[in-house]
N, C-alpha and C. Protein backbone atom coordinates (compact mmCIF):
# COMPACT_ATOMS: atom_id res chain seq x y z
N UNK A 1 -7.20 291.83 -22.23
CA UNK A 1 -6.29 291.33 -21.22
C UNK A 1 -5.91 289.89 -21.63
N UNK A 2 -4.62 289.67 -21.94
CA UNK A 2 -4.20 288.34 -22.39
C UNK A 2 -4.25 287.29 -21.28
N UNK A 3 -4.51 286.07 -21.69
CA UNK A 3 -4.47 284.92 -20.79
C UNK A 3 -3.14 284.22 -21.07
N UNK A 4 -2.28 284.18 -20.08
CA UNK A 4 -0.95 283.61 -20.24
C UNK A 4 -1.01 282.08 -20.31
N UNK A 5 -0.24 281.50 -21.23
CA UNK A 5 -0.13 280.06 -21.41
C UNK A 5 1.32 279.64 -21.17
N UNK A 6 1.62 278.37 -21.36
CA UNK A 6 3.00 277.89 -21.21
C UNK A 6 3.91 278.50 -22.28
N UNK A 7 5.22 278.53 -21.99
CA UNK A 7 6.25 278.98 -22.93
C UNK A 7 6.02 280.40 -23.45
N UNK A 8 5.53 281.30 -22.62
CA UNK A 8 5.30 282.71 -22.95
C UNK A 8 4.22 282.94 -24.01
N UNK A 9 3.46 281.92 -24.36
CA UNK A 9 2.34 282.08 -25.29
C UNK A 9 1.17 282.73 -24.56
N UNK A 10 0.28 283.36 -25.31
CA UNK A 10 -0.89 283.97 -24.70
C UNK A 10 -2.07 283.94 -25.67
N UNK A 11 -3.27 283.99 -25.10
CA UNK A 11 -4.51 284.08 -25.86
C UNK A 11 -5.21 285.35 -25.40
N UNK A 12 -5.64 286.16 -26.37
CA UNK A 12 -6.35 287.40 -26.05
C UNK A 12 -7.69 287.42 -26.76
N UNK A 13 -8.78 287.44 -26.00
CA UNK A 13 -10.08 287.59 -26.64
C UNK A 13 -10.23 289.04 -27.13
N UNK A 14 -11.04 289.23 -28.17
CA UNK A 14 -11.26 290.60 -28.63
C UNK A 14 -12.70 290.76 -29.09
N UNK A 15 -13.14 291.99 -29.12
CA UNK A 15 -14.45 292.34 -29.64
C UNK A 15 -14.37 293.72 -30.25
N UNK A 16 -15.14 293.97 -31.30
CA UNK A 16 -15.10 295.28 -31.93
C UNK A 16 -16.42 295.58 -32.62
N UNK A 17 -16.70 296.86 -32.75
CA UNK A 17 -17.81 297.36 -33.54
C UNK A 17 -17.19 298.10 -34.71
N UNK A 18 -17.62 297.77 -35.92
CA UNK A 18 -17.04 298.34 -37.13
C UNK A 18 -18.12 299.08 -37.89
N UNK A 19 -17.91 300.37 -38.13
CA UNK A 19 -18.87 301.17 -38.89
C UNK A 19 -18.13 301.76 -40.08
N UNK A 20 -18.69 301.58 -41.27
CA UNK A 20 -18.07 302.09 -42.49
C UNK A 20 -19.09 302.90 -43.27
N UNK A 21 -18.61 303.98 -43.86
CA UNK A 21 -19.46 304.83 -44.67
C UNK A 21 -18.68 305.25 -45.91
N UNK A 22 -19.28 305.16 -47.08
CA UNK A 22 -18.62 305.59 -48.32
C UNK A 22 -19.61 306.35 -49.17
N UNK A 23 -19.13 307.40 -49.80
CA UNK A 23 -19.91 308.16 -50.76
C UNK A 23 -19.19 308.06 -52.10
N UNK A 24 -19.88 307.56 -53.11
CA UNK A 24 -19.28 307.30 -54.41
C UNK A 24 -19.90 308.25 -55.43
N UNK A 25 -19.04 309.01 -56.13
CA UNK A 25 -19.51 309.93 -57.15
C UNK A 25 -20.10 309.17 -58.34
N UNK A 26 -20.96 309.84 -59.09
CA UNK A 26 -21.52 309.26 -60.31
C UNK A 26 -20.40 309.08 -61.33
N UNK A 27 -20.54 308.07 -62.19
CA UNK A 27 -19.54 307.86 -63.24
C UNK A 27 -20.16 307.11 -64.40
N UNK A 28 -19.47 307.19 -65.54
CA UNK A 28 -19.87 306.47 -66.75
C UNK A 28 -18.70 305.61 -67.20
N UNK A 29 -18.95 304.31 -67.37
CA UNK A 29 -17.91 303.42 -67.86
C UNK A 29 -17.60 303.75 -69.32
N UNK A 30 -16.34 303.61 -69.70
CA UNK A 30 -15.94 303.86 -71.08
C UNK A 30 -15.32 302.60 -71.67
N UNK A 31 -15.31 302.53 -73.00
CA UNK A 31 -14.66 301.42 -73.69
C UNK A 31 -15.58 300.28 -74.05
N UNK A 32 -16.80 300.26 -73.57
CA UNK A 32 -17.72 299.16 -73.88
C UNK A 32 -18.84 299.61 -74.82
N UNK A 33 -18.71 300.83 -75.34
CA UNK A 33 -19.71 301.40 -76.23
C UNK A 33 -21.09 301.37 -75.58
N UNK A 34 -22.09 300.81 -76.25
CA UNK A 34 -23.46 300.84 -75.72
C UNK A 34 -23.65 299.95 -74.49
N UNK A 35 -22.68 299.08 -74.18
CA UNK A 35 -22.79 298.21 -73.00
C UNK A 35 -22.20 298.87 -71.75
N UNK A 36 -21.68 300.10 -71.89
CA UNK A 36 -21.13 300.80 -70.73
C UNK A 36 -22.23 301.19 -69.77
N UNK A 37 -21.92 301.15 -68.50
CA UNK A 37 -22.90 301.51 -67.48
C UNK A 37 -22.77 302.98 -67.09
N UNK A 38 -23.90 303.58 -66.82
CA UNK A 38 -23.96 304.91 -66.22
C UNK A 38 -24.42 304.68 -64.79
N UNK A 39 -23.58 305.03 -63.82
CA UNK A 39 -23.85 304.75 -62.41
C UNK A 39 -24.11 306.06 -61.68
N UNK A 40 -25.24 306.15 -61.00
CA UNK A 40 -25.60 307.35 -60.26
C UNK A 40 -24.76 307.47 -58.98
N UNK A 41 -24.68 308.69 -58.46
CA UNK A 41 -24.00 308.90 -57.17
C UNK A 41 -24.75 308.09 -56.11
N UNK A 42 -23.99 307.44 -55.23
CA UNK A 42 -24.65 306.64 -54.19
C UNK A 42 -23.79 306.58 -52.93
N UNK A 43 -24.41 306.12 -51.87
CA UNK A 43 -23.75 306.00 -50.57
C UNK A 43 -23.90 304.57 -50.07
N UNK A 44 -22.89 304.12 -49.34
CA UNK A 44 -22.94 302.78 -48.74
C UNK A 44 -22.59 302.91 -47.26
N UNK A 45 -23.33 302.18 -46.43
CA UNK A 45 -23.12 302.24 -44.99
C UNK A 45 -23.25 300.82 -44.43
N UNK A 46 -22.27 300.40 -43.64
CA UNK A 46 -22.29 299.08 -43.00
C UNK A 46 -21.96 299.23 -41.52
N UNK A 47 -22.60 298.42 -40.71
CA UNK A 47 -22.28 298.33 -39.29
C UNK A 47 -22.20 296.85 -38.94
N UNK A 48 -21.10 296.46 -38.28
CA UNK A 48 -20.90 295.05 -37.92
C UNK A 48 -20.27 294.93 -36.55
N UNK A 49 -20.44 293.76 -35.94
CA UNK A 49 -19.74 293.43 -34.70
C UNK A 49 -18.87 292.20 -34.99
N UNK A 50 -17.75 292.13 -34.29
CA UNK A 50 -16.86 290.97 -34.44
C UNK A 50 -16.32 290.59 -33.08
N UNK A 51 -16.20 289.29 -32.85
CA UNK A 51 -15.62 288.77 -31.62
C UNK A 51 -14.76 287.56 -31.97
N UNK A 52 -13.68 287.38 -31.23
CA UNK A 52 -12.80 286.25 -31.49
C UNK A 52 -11.66 286.20 -30.51
N UNK A 53 -10.59 285.53 -30.91
CA UNK A 53 -9.42 285.39 -30.04
C UNK A 53 -8.15 285.38 -30.89
N UNK A 54 -7.07 285.85 -30.27
CA UNK A 54 -5.75 285.87 -30.90
C UNK A 54 -4.79 285.06 -30.04
N UNK A 55 -4.08 284.13 -30.68
CA UNK A 55 -3.04 283.33 -30.02
C UNK A 55 -1.68 283.86 -30.47
N UNK A 56 -0.82 284.22 -29.52
CA UNK A 56 0.52 284.71 -29.81
C UNK A 56 1.52 283.73 -29.19
N UNK A 57 2.45 283.24 -30.04
CA UNK A 57 3.42 282.24 -29.60
C UNK A 57 4.83 282.71 -29.97
N UNK A 58 5.68 283.08 -28.98
CA UNK A 58 7.07 283.39 -29.27
C UNK A 58 7.80 282.12 -29.71
N UNK A 59 8.67 282.25 -30.71
CA UNK A 59 9.37 281.08 -31.23
C UNK A 59 10.88 281.34 -31.23
N UNK A 60 11.63 280.26 -31.26
CA UNK A 60 13.09 280.37 -31.27
C UNK A 60 13.64 280.55 -29.88
N UNK A 61 14.93 280.36 -29.75
CA UNK A 61 15.55 280.43 -28.42
C UNK A 61 15.53 281.85 -27.85
N UNK A 62 15.61 282.88 -28.71
CA UNK A 62 15.62 284.25 -28.21
C UNK A 62 14.23 284.89 -28.25
N UNK A 63 13.26 284.23 -28.85
CA UNK A 63 11.91 284.76 -28.91
C UNK A 63 11.75 285.91 -29.88
N UNK A 64 12.73 286.10 -30.79
CA UNK A 64 12.65 287.20 -31.75
C UNK A 64 11.64 286.95 -32.87
N UNK A 65 11.22 285.73 -33.06
CA UNK A 65 10.18 285.40 -34.04
C UNK A 65 8.90 285.09 -33.28
N UNK A 66 7.81 285.68 -33.73
CA UNK A 66 6.53 285.49 -33.07
C UNK A 66 5.50 285.02 -34.08
N UNK A 67 4.77 283.97 -33.74
CA UNK A 67 3.64 283.51 -34.56
C UNK A 67 2.36 284.07 -33.94
N UNK A 68 1.47 284.54 -34.80
CA UNK A 68 0.20 285.11 -34.35
C UNK A 68 -0.91 284.48 -35.18
N UNK A 69 -1.88 283.87 -34.50
CA UNK A 69 -3.04 283.27 -35.16
C UNK A 69 -4.30 283.92 -34.59
N UNK A 70 -5.24 284.24 -35.48
CA UNK A 70 -6.46 284.90 -35.04
C UNK A 70 -7.67 284.26 -35.72
N UNK A 71 -8.74 284.09 -34.97
CA UNK A 71 -9.99 283.60 -35.53
C UNK A 71 -11.14 284.39 -34.89
N UNK A 72 -12.10 284.77 -35.71
CA UNK A 72 -13.22 285.54 -35.20
C UNK A 72 -14.46 285.32 -36.03
N UNK A 73 -15.57 285.78 -35.52
CA UNK A 73 -16.85 285.71 -36.20
C UNK A 73 -17.39 287.13 -36.30
N UNK A 74 -17.79 287.53 -37.51
CA UNK A 74 -18.28 288.88 -37.78
C UNK A 74 -19.74 288.78 -38.19
N UNK A 75 -20.57 289.65 -37.60
CA UNK A 75 -21.99 289.67 -37.93
C UNK A 75 -22.38 291.06 -38.41
N UNK A 76 -22.92 291.13 -39.61
CA UNK A 76 -23.34 292.40 -40.21
C UNK A 76 -24.70 292.79 -39.65
N UNK A 77 -24.75 293.91 -38.93
CA UNK A 77 -25.98 294.38 -38.32
C UNK A 77 -26.83 295.20 -39.28
N UNK A 78 -26.15 296.01 -40.11
CA UNK A 78 -26.83 296.97 -40.96
C UNK A 78 -26.05 297.12 -42.25
N UNK A 79 -26.73 297.18 -43.38
CA UNK A 79 -26.06 297.39 -44.66
C UNK A 79 -25.80 296.07 -45.36
N UNK A 80 -24.93 296.14 -46.39
CA UNK A 80 -24.57 294.95 -47.14
C UNK A 80 -25.58 294.54 -48.19
N UNK A 81 -26.62 295.34 -48.37
CA UNK A 81 -27.64 295.01 -49.37
C UNK A 81 -27.90 296.19 -50.29
N UNK A 82 -26.85 296.93 -50.62
CA UNK A 82 -27.02 298.14 -51.42
C UNK A 82 -27.35 297.81 -52.87
N UNK A 83 -28.25 298.60 -53.43
CA UNK A 83 -28.57 298.54 -54.85
C UNK A 83 -28.32 299.94 -55.42
N UNK A 84 -27.77 299.99 -56.63
CA UNK A 84 -27.39 301.25 -57.24
C UNK A 84 -28.21 301.44 -58.52
N UNK A 85 -28.77 302.64 -58.70
CA UNK A 85 -29.51 302.95 -59.92
C UNK A 85 -28.51 303.07 -61.08
N UNK A 86 -28.72 302.27 -62.13
CA UNK A 86 -27.82 302.29 -63.29
C UNK A 86 -28.65 302.23 -64.57
N UNK A 87 -28.00 302.57 -65.66
CA UNK A 87 -28.59 302.36 -66.98
C UNK A 87 -27.44 302.21 -67.97
N UNK A 88 -27.74 301.67 -69.15
CA UNK A 88 -26.73 301.53 -70.19
C UNK A 88 -26.55 302.87 -70.90
N UNK A 89 -25.35 303.13 -71.40
CA UNK A 89 -25.06 304.38 -72.10
C UNK A 89 -26.08 304.57 -73.23
N UNK A 90 -26.74 305.74 -73.26
CA UNK A 90 -27.70 306.06 -74.31
C UNK A 90 -29.10 305.51 -74.07
N UNK A 91 -29.31 304.75 -73.02
CA UNK A 91 -30.62 304.17 -72.76
C UNK A 91 -31.32 304.95 -71.65
N UNK A 92 -32.59 305.28 -71.83
CA UNK A 92 -33.33 305.97 -70.77
C UNK A 92 -33.87 305.00 -69.70
N UNK A 93 -33.77 303.70 -69.94
CA UNK A 93 -34.34 302.71 -69.02
C UNK A 93 -33.34 302.44 -67.90
N UNK A 94 -33.76 302.71 -66.67
CA UNK A 94 -32.89 302.47 -65.50
C UNK A 94 -33.19 301.11 -64.89
N UNK A 95 -32.21 300.55 -64.24
CA UNK A 95 -32.39 299.28 -63.52
C UNK A 95 -31.50 299.30 -62.28
N UNK A 96 -31.71 298.35 -61.40
CA UNK A 96 -30.96 298.27 -60.15
C UNK A 96 -29.80 297.28 -60.31
N UNK A 97 -28.61 297.70 -59.89
CA UNK A 97 -27.45 296.82 -59.84
C UNK A 97 -27.13 296.59 -58.37
N UNK A 98 -27.12 295.34 -57.96
CA UNK A 98 -26.88 295.02 -56.56
C UNK A 98 -25.39 294.83 -56.31
N UNK A 99 -24.92 295.40 -55.22
CA UNK A 99 -23.51 295.33 -54.84
C UNK A 99 -23.27 294.02 -54.09
N UNK A 100 -22.30 293.24 -54.57
CA UNK A 100 -21.97 291.97 -53.90
C UNK A 100 -21.22 292.27 -52.61
N UNK A 101 -21.70 291.73 -51.53
CA UNK A 101 -21.05 291.91 -50.24
C UNK A 101 -21.15 290.60 -49.46
N UNK A 102 -20.35 290.45 -48.42
CA UNK A 102 -20.44 289.22 -47.62
C UNK A 102 -21.84 289.04 -47.03
N UNK A 103 -22.18 287.83 -46.70
CA UNK A 103 -23.47 287.58 -46.05
C UNK A 103 -23.39 288.09 -44.61
N UNK A 104 -24.50 287.98 -43.89
CA UNK A 104 -24.54 288.51 -42.52
C UNK A 104 -23.49 287.90 -41.61
N UNK A 105 -23.18 286.62 -41.76
CA UNK A 105 -22.19 285.96 -40.91
C UNK A 105 -20.93 285.66 -41.72
N UNK A 106 -19.80 286.07 -41.18
CA UNK A 106 -18.51 285.88 -41.84
C UNK A 106 -17.50 285.37 -40.83
N UNK A 107 -16.71 284.39 -41.23
CA UNK A 107 -15.60 283.92 -40.40
C UNK A 107 -14.35 284.67 -40.81
N UNK A 108 -13.63 285.18 -39.83
CA UNK A 108 -12.38 285.90 -40.08
C UNK A 108 -11.23 285.08 -39.52
N UNK A 109 -10.23 284.77 -40.36
CA UNK A 109 -9.05 284.03 -39.91
C UNK A 109 -7.80 284.78 -40.37
N UNK A 110 -6.76 284.71 -39.55
CA UNK A 110 -5.50 285.38 -39.90
C UNK A 110 -4.34 284.63 -39.24
N UNK A 111 -3.20 284.73 -39.86
CA UNK A 111 -1.99 284.14 -39.31
C UNK A 111 -0.79 284.94 -39.80
N UNK A 112 0.23 285.10 -38.95
CA UNK A 112 1.41 285.87 -39.34
C UNK A 112 2.63 285.41 -38.56
N UNK A 113 3.77 285.58 -39.17
CA UNK A 113 5.06 285.42 -38.51
C UNK A 113 5.74 286.78 -38.53
N UNK A 114 6.23 287.21 -37.39
CA UNK A 114 6.90 288.50 -37.28
C UNK A 114 8.26 288.31 -36.63
N UNK A 115 9.22 289.14 -37.03
CA UNK A 115 10.55 289.05 -36.46
C UNK A 115 11.16 290.43 -36.28
N UNK A 116 11.97 290.57 -35.28
CA UNK A 116 12.73 291.78 -35.03
C UNK A 116 14.03 291.67 -35.81
N UNK A 117 14.30 292.61 -36.71
CA UNK A 117 15.51 292.58 -37.52
C UNK A 117 16.63 293.38 -36.84
N UNK A 118 16.30 294.60 -36.42
CA UNK A 118 17.20 295.43 -35.62
C UNK A 118 16.35 296.07 -34.53
N UNK A 119 16.95 296.93 -33.70
CA UNK A 119 16.18 297.61 -32.65
C UNK A 119 15.05 298.44 -33.23
N UNK A 120 15.24 298.98 -34.44
CA UNK A 120 14.23 299.87 -35.03
C UNK A 120 13.51 299.28 -36.23
N UNK A 121 13.86 298.06 -36.64
CA UNK A 121 13.29 297.49 -37.84
C UNK A 121 12.73 296.09 -37.55
N UNK A 122 11.50 295.87 -38.00
CA UNK A 122 10.89 294.55 -37.86
C UNK A 122 10.21 294.19 -39.18
N UNK A 123 9.98 292.91 -39.37
CA UNK A 123 9.33 292.44 -40.58
C UNK A 123 8.30 291.38 -40.25
N UNK A 124 7.32 291.24 -41.13
CA UNK A 124 6.30 290.20 -40.92
C UNK A 124 5.75 289.75 -42.26
N UNK A 125 5.19 288.55 -42.26
CA UNK A 125 4.51 287.99 -43.42
C UNK A 125 3.27 287.29 -42.90
N UNK A 126 2.13 287.56 -43.53
CA UNK A 126 0.91 286.98 -43.00
C UNK A 126 -0.20 286.79 -44.01
N UNK A 127 -1.27 286.20 -43.54
CA UNK A 127 -2.47 285.89 -44.31
C UNK A 127 -3.68 286.43 -43.56
N UNK A 128 -4.64 287.01 -44.30
CA UNK A 128 -5.93 287.42 -43.76
C UNK A 128 -7.01 286.84 -44.65
N UNK A 129 -8.03 286.26 -44.04
CA UNK A 129 -9.12 285.70 -44.83
C UNK A 129 -10.47 285.97 -44.20
N UNK A 130 -11.44 286.22 -45.05
CA UNK A 130 -12.84 286.35 -44.64
C UNK A 130 -13.65 285.39 -45.50
N UNK A 131 -14.44 284.55 -44.86
CA UNK A 131 -15.17 283.51 -45.57
C UNK A 131 -16.63 283.58 -45.16
N UNK A 132 -17.51 283.72 -46.16
CA UNK A 132 -18.95 283.76 -45.88
C UNK A 132 -19.67 282.96 -46.94
N UNK A 133 -20.99 282.90 -46.82
CA UNK A 133 -21.78 282.14 -47.77
C UNK A 133 -21.79 282.72 -49.17
N UNK A 134 -21.60 284.05 -49.30
CA UNK A 134 -21.66 284.70 -50.61
C UNK A 134 -20.31 284.89 -51.27
N UNK A 135 -19.28 285.09 -50.47
CA UNK A 135 -17.97 285.39 -51.06
C UNK A 135 -16.86 285.13 -50.05
N UNK A 136 -15.64 285.04 -50.57
CA UNK A 136 -14.46 284.89 -49.73
C UNK A 136 -13.42 285.91 -50.17
N UNK A 137 -12.62 286.36 -49.23
CA UNK A 137 -11.55 287.31 -49.51
C UNK A 137 -10.28 286.77 -48.86
N UNK A 138 -9.20 286.69 -49.62
CA UNK A 138 -7.93 286.17 -49.11
C UNK A 138 -6.82 287.15 -49.46
N UNK A 139 -5.99 287.49 -48.47
CA UNK A 139 -4.92 288.47 -48.67
C UNK A 139 -3.63 287.96 -48.04
N UNK A 140 -2.53 288.08 -48.79
CA UNK A 140 -1.19 287.84 -48.24
C UNK A 140 -0.53 289.19 -48.09
N UNK A 141 0.21 289.36 -46.99
CA UNK A 141 0.82 290.65 -46.70
C UNK A 141 2.26 290.46 -46.22
N UNK A 142 3.17 291.24 -46.79
CA UNK A 142 4.55 291.30 -46.31
C UNK A 142 4.77 292.74 -45.84
N UNK A 143 5.38 292.90 -44.67
CA UNK A 143 5.51 294.24 -44.10
C UNK A 143 6.88 294.44 -43.47
N UNK A 144 7.45 295.61 -43.68
CA UNK A 144 8.63 296.09 -42.97
C UNK A 144 8.22 297.30 -42.18
N UNK A 145 8.57 297.35 -40.90
CA UNK A 145 8.20 298.46 -40.04
C UNK A 145 9.47 299.09 -39.47
N UNK A 146 9.62 300.40 -39.71
CA UNK A 146 10.76 301.15 -39.21
C UNK A 146 10.26 302.11 -38.13
N UNK A 147 10.77 301.96 -36.90
CA UNK A 147 10.40 302.85 -35.80
C UNK A 147 11.36 304.02 -35.81
N UNK A 148 10.80 305.20 -35.73
CA UNK A 148 11.64 306.42 -35.77
C UNK A 148 11.57 307.17 -34.47
C-alpha cells in the first residue's frame, strides 16, 4: 500500500521471500587439455528474505515520465555455500570447488526512468545493483513494452 507524498510521488514498502533451486548436469570443460575440469552433477538451493522501499516520482508537466528508486536489504537464510566435486581431466584425485555467491547480507539498489510513448508502447532505462561483502553485481537495462 503506497504512502502518498507531495506532487503525486509515493513510497511503497515491500517484503519478499525468494526461493531458488537449480539442478546442473555433469560436464567436462574442453580446450584446456589437462587443466580442464570435470564437474559432477549438482544441485543448488537458496532461500532469502528481502525488505525495502520504492519511491515513485512522476516528472514533467504531463507526468508521462516516471522516476523509480528502490533500496532494500536481502538476507540469505539458507544456501550460498555450495561446493561441487571436481577433478582435472584424466586425474583420479577429486577436490571441492566452492561456488562464489553473495554473503548473507546484501544491499539491493535500483533506479529507472520510464515513459509512455503511445497508448500501447512504453520504454524504460534503469540500473539494478546488488552489493555485498563478497561480490557486487551491476546491471543496466533498456526496455520497450508493447501492450496487446
